[in-house]
Amino acid sequence: MSRSDQSKDYQWFLNNYNELYKKYGIAFLVIKNEDVIGSYSTYAEGVKEASKCNELGTFIVQCCNGNESAYTNYISSLNFM
């Protein structure tokens, strides 16, 4: 997954934010290929669980809390190695 792919996933998150919040409530969403592949109560849990089946750098984890603070912070799992 490239930065471009992660940017697409982030944009998808932004475009679908209201629907995602309605569906998942307050959660850390693991997103890959414009799809939610997991919903967790903490960022660390999301990364830990998602990395069991997905290589680091192939997904993003975004906070979904119902307000814009969730999407003004961007966290990426991009693997630089």
C-alpha atoms as a PDB file:
ATOM      1  CA  MET A   1       0.000   0.000   0.000  1.00  0.00           C
ATOM      2  CA  SER A   2       1.348   3.379  -0.951  1.00  0.00           C
ATOM      3  CA  ARG A   3       0.791   6.778   0.603  1.00  0.00           C
ATOM      4  CA  SER A   4      -1.631   7.374  -2.249  1.00  0.00           C
ATOM      5  CA  ASP A   5      -3.659   4.330  -1.191  1.00  0.00           C
ATOM      6  CA  GLN A   6      -3.660   5.520   2.413  1.00  0.00           C
ATOM      7  CA  SER A   7      -4.757   8.961   1.256  1.00  0.00           C
ATOM      8  CA  LYS A   8      -7.638   7.351  -0.639  1.00  0.00           C
ATOM      9  CA  ASP A   9      -8.663   5.448   2.495  1.00  0.00           C
ATOM     10  CA  TYR A  10      -8.466   8.645   4.541  1.00  0.00           C
ATOM     11  CA  GLN A  11     -10.562  10.531   1.992  1.00  0.00           C
ATOM     12  CA  TRP A  12     -13.087   7.680   2.016  1.00  0.00           C
ATOM     13  CA  PHE A  13     -13.209   7.971   5.827  1.00  0.00           C
ATOM     14  CA  LEU A  14     -13.883  11.715   5.553  1.00  0.00           C
ATOM     15  CA  ASN A  15     -16.515  11.278   2.839  1.00  0.00           C
ATOM     16  CA  ASN A  16     -18.350   8.633   4.880  1.00  0.00           C
ATOM     17  CA  TYR A  17     -17.707  10.008   8.363  1.00  0.00           C
ATOM     18  CA  ASN A  18     -21.325  10.634   9.379  1.00  0.00           C
ATOM     19  CA  GLU A  19     -22.458   7.182   8.266  1.00  0.00           C
ATOM     20  CA  LEU A  20     -19.467   5.535   9.961  1.00  0.00           C
ATOM     21  CA  TYR A  21     -20.216   7.339  13.211  1.00  0.00           C
ATOM     22  CA  LYS A  22     -23.870   6.271  13.039  1.00  0.00           C
ATOM     23  CA  LYS A  23     -22.810   2.652  12.469  1.00  0.00           C
ATOM     24  CA  TYR A  24     -19.814   2.338  14.837  1.00  0.00           C
ATOM     25  CA  GLY A  25     -20.244   5.174  17.337  1.00  0.00           C
ATOM     26  CA  ILE A  26     -17.134   6.218  19.222  1.00  0.00           C
ATOM     27  CA  ALA A  27     -14.421   3.851  18.019  1.00  0.00           C
ATOM     28  CA  PHE A  28     -11.048   3.507  16.353  1.00  0.00           C
ATOM     29  CA  LEU A  29     -11.717   2.210  12.870  1.00  0.00           C
ATOM     30  CA  VAL A  30      -9.209   0.158  10.917  1.00  0.00           C
ATOM     31  CA  ILE A  31      -9.640   1.014   7.244  1.00  0.00           C
ATOM     32  CA  LYS A  32      -8.160  -0.768   4.253  1.00  0.00           C
ATOM     33  CA  ASN A  33      -9.168  -0.461   0.593  1.00  0.00           C
ATOM     34  CA  GLU A  34     -12.029   1.904   1.450  1.00  0.00           C
ATOM     35  CA  ASP A  35     -13.585  -0.577   3.871  1.00  0.00           C
ATOM     36  CA  VAL A  36     -13.747  -0.873   7.653  1.00  0.00           C
ATOM     37  CA  ILE A  37     -11.991  -4.100   8.581  1.00  0.00           C
ATOM     38  CA  GLY A  38     -12.232  -3.598  12.340  1.00  0.00           C
ATOM     39  CA  SER A  39     -13.633  -1.404  15.097  1.00  0.00           C
ATOM     40  CA  TYR A  40     -11.802  -1.084  18.429  1.00  0.00           C
ATOM     41  CA  SER A  41     -11.951   0.883  21.667  1.00  0.00           C
ATOM     42  CA  THR A  42      -8.323   2.077  21.490  1.00  0.00           C
ATOM     43  CA  TYR A  43      -5.836   2.969  18.784  1.00  0.00           C
ATOM     44  CA  ALA A  44      -3.324   0.446  20.163  1.00  0.00           C
ATOM     45  CA  GLU A  45      -5.888  -2.360  20.090  1.00  0.00           C
ATOM     46  CA  GLY A  46      -6.765  -1.498  16.493  1.00  0.00           C
ATOM     47  CA  VAL A  47      -3.151  -1.635  15.354  1.00  0.00           C
ATOM     48  CA  LYS A  48      -2.428  -4.799  17.329  1.00  0.00           C
ATOM     49  CA  GLU A  49      -5.448  -6.716  16.047  1.00  0.00           C
ATOM     50  CA  ALA A  50      -5.232  -5.478  12.452  1.00  0.00           C
ATOM     51  CA  SER A  51      -1.532  -6.314  12.225  1.00  0.00           C
ATOM     52  CA  LYS A  52      -2.282  -9.956  13.032  1.00  0.00           C
ATOM     53  CA  CYS A  53      -3.808 -10.398   9.558  1.00  0.00           C
ATOM     54  CA  ASN A  54      -2.516  -7.335   7.695  1.00  0.00           C
ATOM     55  CA  GLU A  55       0.997  -6.081   7.175  1.00  0.00           C
ATOM     56  CA  LEU A  56       1.790  -2.765   8.838  1.00  0.00           C
ATOM     57  CA  GLY A  57       1.558  -0.059   6.227  1.00  0.00           C
ATOM     58  CA  THR A  58      -1.454  -1.599   4.504  1.00  0.00           C
ATOM     59  CA  PHE A  59      -4.163   0.037   6.625  1.00  0.00           C
ATOM     60  CA  ILE A  60      -5.005   3.200   8.519  1.00  0.00           C
ATOM     61  CA  VAL A  61      -6.553   3.618  11.957  1.00  0.00           C
ATOM     62  CA  GLN A  62      -8.862   6.579  12.456  1.00  0.00           C
ATOM     63  CA  CYS A  63     -10.695   7.810  15.511  1.00  0.00           C
ATOM     64  CA  CYS A  64     -14.418   8.188  14.986  1.00  0.00           C
ATOM     65  CA  ASN A  65     -15.991  10.279  17.756  1.00  0.00           C
ATOM     66  CA  GLY A  66     -18.719  12.330  16.138  1.00  0.00           C
ATOM     67  CA  ASN A  67     -16.845  15.609  15.752  1.00  0.00           C
ATOM     68  CA  GLU A  68     -14.116  17.091  13.593  1.00  0.00           C
ATOM     69  CA  SER A  69     -11.320  16.346  16.080  1.00  0.00           C
ATOM     70  CA  ALA A  70     -11.464  12.758  14.802  1.00  0.00           C
ATOM     71  CA  TYR A  71     -10.414  13.690  11.318  1.00  0.00           C
ATOM     72  CA  THR A  72      -7.993  16.477  12.030  1.00  0.00           C
ATOM     73  CA  ASN A  73      -5.542  13.909  13.406  1.00  0.00           C
ATOM     74  CA  TYR A  74      -4.171  11.507  10.810  1.00  0.00           C
ATOM     75  CA  ILE A  75      -2.354   8.376  11.976  1.00  0.00           C
ATOM     76  CA  SER A  76      -0.767   6.036   9.479  1.00  0.00           C
ATOM     77  CA  SER A  77       0.686   2.542   9.715  1.00  0.00           C
ATOM     78  CA  LEU A  78       2.957   3.121   6.729  1.00  0.00           C
ATOM     79  CA  ASN A  79       5.971   0.850   7.033  1.00  0.00           C
ATOM     80  CA  PHE A  80       9.158   2.659   6.044  1.00  0.00           C
ATOM     81  CA  MET A  81      11.367  -0.444   6.001  1.00  0.00           C
END
